[in-house]
Amino acid sequence: MPQMMPLNWLLLMLVFMTMFMLSLSFFYYMKSFSLTNKFDLNKPKSSPKTNWSW
């Protein structure tokens, strides 16, 4: 039992670290994706909208 404790703790730390890294990368990716999406969709969406309204 005492020998299994460090392993479990290490595994727990690893899981938490991976989850933290995953969430960080996911948030960063979403931020960059929304930024690029905004920049990319702003021009094409703006053109058809003006075309439709005109």
N, C-alpha and C. Protein backbone atom coordinates (compact mmCIF):
# COMPACT_ATOMS: atom_id res chain seq x y z
N MET A 1 0.82 -1.22 0.00
CA MET A 1 0.00 0.00 0.00
C MET A 1 0.86 1.28 0.00
N PRO A 2 1.85 1.40 0.88
CA PRO A 2 2.67 2.63 0.85
C PRO A 2 3.46 2.77 -0.45
N GLN A 3 3.79 1.64 -1.08
CA GLN A 3 4.54 1.71 -2.33
C GLN A 3 3.65 2.17 -3.48
N MET A 4 2.38 1.89 -3.39
CA MET A 4 1.45 2.30 -4.45
C MET A 4 1.06 3.77 -4.34
N MET A 5 1.20 4.33 -3.17
CA MET A 5 0.80 5.72 -2.96
C MET A 5 1.57 6.70 -3.86
N PRO A 6 2.90 6.64 -3.92
CA PRO A 6 3.63 7.59 -4.77
C PRO A 6 3.23 7.46 -6.24
N LEU A 7 2.99 6.23 -6.67
CA LEU A 7 2.61 6.02 -8.07
C LEU A 7 1.27 6.69 -8.35
N ASN A 8 0.33 6.50 -7.44
CA ASN A 8 -0.98 7.13 -7.62
C ASN A 8 -0.86 8.65 -7.62
N TRP A 9 -0.03 9.16 -6.73
CA TRP A 9 0.16 10.61 -6.65
C TRP A 9 0.77 11.15 -7.93
N LEU A 10 1.77 10.41 -8.45
CA LEU A 10 2.42 10.82 -9.69
C LEU A 10 1.42 10.78 -10.84
N LEU A 11 0.61 9.75 -10.87
CA LEU A 11 -0.40 9.62 -11.92
C LEU A 11 -1.40 10.77 -11.83
N LEU A 12 -1.81 11.07 -10.62
CA LEU A 12 -2.76 12.17 -10.42
C LEU A 12 -2.16 13.49 -10.89
N MET A 13 -0.91 13.72 -10.53
CA MET A 13 -0.23 14.95 -10.95
C MET A 13 -0.12 15.01 -12.47
N LEU A 14 0.19 13.88 -13.07
CA LEU A 14 0.31 13.82 -14.53
C LEU A 14 -1.03 14.13 -15.18
N VAL A 15 -2.09 13.54 -14.66
CA VAL A 15 -3.43 13.78 -15.20
C VAL A 15 -3.80 15.25 -15.08
N PHE A 16 -3.54 15.83 -13.90
CA PHE A 16 -3.86 17.24 -13.71
C PHE A 16 -3.04 18.14 -14.63
N MET A 17 -1.77 17.78 -14.79
CA MET A 17 -0.88 18.56 -15.66
C MET A 17 -1.35 18.48 -17.11
N THR A 18 -1.70 17.29 -17.56
CA THR A 18 -2.16 17.13 -18.93
C THR A 18 -3.48 17.88 -19.15
N MET A 19 -4.37 17.79 -18.16
CA MET A 19 -5.64 18.50 -18.28
C MET A 19 -5.43 20.01 -18.33
N PHE A 20 -4.52 20.48 -17.49
CA PHE A 20 -4.22 21.91 -17.46
C PHE A 20 -3.64 22.37 -18.79
N MET A 21 -2.70 21.59 -19.31
CA MET A 21 -2.07 21.93 -20.59
C MET A 21 -3.10 21.88 -21.72
N LEU A 22 -3.95 20.87 -21.67
CA LEU A 22 -4.97 20.73 -22.71
C LEU A 22 -5.93 21.91 -22.69
N SER A 23 -6.38 22.28 -21.51
CA SER A 23 -7.31 23.41 -21.39
C SER A 23 -6.63 24.70 -21.84
N LEU A 24 -5.37 24.87 -21.46
CA LEU A 24 -4.63 26.07 -21.85
C LEU A 24 -4.50 26.14 -23.37
N SER A 25 -4.08 25.03 -23.97
CA SER A 25 -3.92 25.01 -25.42
C SER A 25 -5.28 25.19 -26.11
N PHE A 26 -6.33 24.59 -25.54
CA PHE A 26 -7.66 24.71 -26.13
C PHE A 26 -8.14 26.16 -26.09
N PHE A 27 -7.95 26.82 -24.95
CA PHE A 27 -8.36 28.22 -24.84
C PHE A 27 -7.57 29.10 -25.80
N TYR A 28 -6.26 28.83 -25.89
CA TYR A 28 -5.40 29.60 -26.79
C TYR A 28 -5.83 29.39 -28.24
N TYR A 29 -6.13 28.12 -28.57
CA TYR A 29 -6.56 27.79 -29.93
C TYR A 29 -7.90 28.47 -30.25
N MET A 30 -8.82 28.43 -29.32
CA MET A 30 -10.12 29.06 -29.53
C MET A 30 -9.95 30.57 -29.70
N LYS A 31 -9.09 31.17 -28.91
CA LYS A 31 -8.84 32.60 -28.99
C LYS A 31 -8.28 32.96 -30.37
N SER A 32 -7.27 32.21 -30.79
CA SER A 32 -6.64 32.49 -32.09
C SER A 32 -7.63 32.19 -33.21
N PHE A 33 -8.40 31.09 -33.06
CA PHE A 33 -9.36 30.71 -34.10
C PHE A 33 -10.45 31.78 -34.25
N SER A 34 -10.96 32.26 -33.14
CA SER A 34 -12.01 33.30 -33.19
C SER A 34 -11.44 34.57 -33.80
N LEU A 35 -10.19 34.89 -33.46
CA LEU A 35 -9.56 36.08 -34.00
C LEU A 35 -9.41 35.95 -35.52
N THR A 36 -8.89 34.81 -35.98
CA THR A 36 -8.70 34.60 -37.42
C THR A 36 -10.06 34.52 -38.11
N ASN A 37 -11.01 33.85 -37.46
CA ASN A 37 -12.34 33.73 -38.04
C ASN A 37 -12.97 35.11 -38.21
N LYS A 38 -12.80 35.95 -37.23
CA LYS A 38 -13.34 37.30 -37.29
C LYS A 38 -12.71 38.06 -38.46
N PHE A 39 -11.41 37.96 -38.56
CA PHE A 39 -10.71 38.67 -39.63
C PHE A 39 -11.06 38.11 -41.00
N ASP A 40 -11.20 36.78 -41.08
CA ASP A 40 -11.50 36.16 -42.36
C ASP A 40 -12.95 36.37 -42.77
N LEU A 41 -13.85 36.29 -41.80
CA LEU A 41 -15.27 36.40 -42.13
C LEU A 41 -15.73 37.85 -42.25
N ASN A 42 -14.96 38.76 -41.73
CA ASN A 42 -15.37 40.15 -41.79
C ASN A 42 -15.43 40.66 -43.22
N LYS A 43 -14.43 40.33 -44.01
CA LYS A 43 -14.40 40.81 -45.40
C LYS A 43 -15.42 40.11 -46.29
N PRO A 44 -15.42 38.77 -46.33
CA PRO A 44 -16.40 38.10 -47.20
C PRO A 44 -17.84 38.32 -46.77
N LYS A 45 -18.09 38.38 -45.47
CA LYS A 45 -19.47 38.58 -45.01
C LYS A 45 -19.90 40.02 -45.30
N SER A 46 -18.96 40.92 -45.21
CA SER A 46 -19.27 42.32 -45.43
C SER A 46 -19.62 42.54 -46.91
N SER A 47 -18.90 41.89 -47.80
CA SER A 47 -19.15 42.06 -49.23
C SER A 47 -20.53 41.55 -49.65
N PRO A 48 -20.86 40.30 -49.31
CA PRO A 48 -22.20 39.81 -49.69
C PRO A 48 -23.32 40.61 -49.05
N LYS A 49 -23.09 41.07 -47.84
CA LYS A 49 -24.14 41.85 -47.17
C LYS A 49 -24.37 43.16 -47.93
N THR A 50 -23.30 43.81 -48.31
CA THR A 50 -23.44 45.07 -49.05
C THR A 50 -24.04 44.77 -50.42
N ASN A 51 -23.63 43.66 -51.02
CA ASN A 51 -24.19 43.28 -52.32
C ASN A 51 -25.68 43.02 -52.22
N TRP A 52 -26.07 42.32 -51.16
CA TRP A 52 -27.48 42.00 -50.98
C TRP A 52 -28.30 43.27 -50.71
N SER A 53 -27.72 44.14 -49.91
CA SER A 53 -28.48 45.35 -49.56
C SER A 53 -28.54 46.30 -50.76
N TRP A 54 -27.47 46.34 -51.53
CA TRP A 54 -27.50 47.22 -52.71
C TRP A 54 -28.32 46.56 -53.81
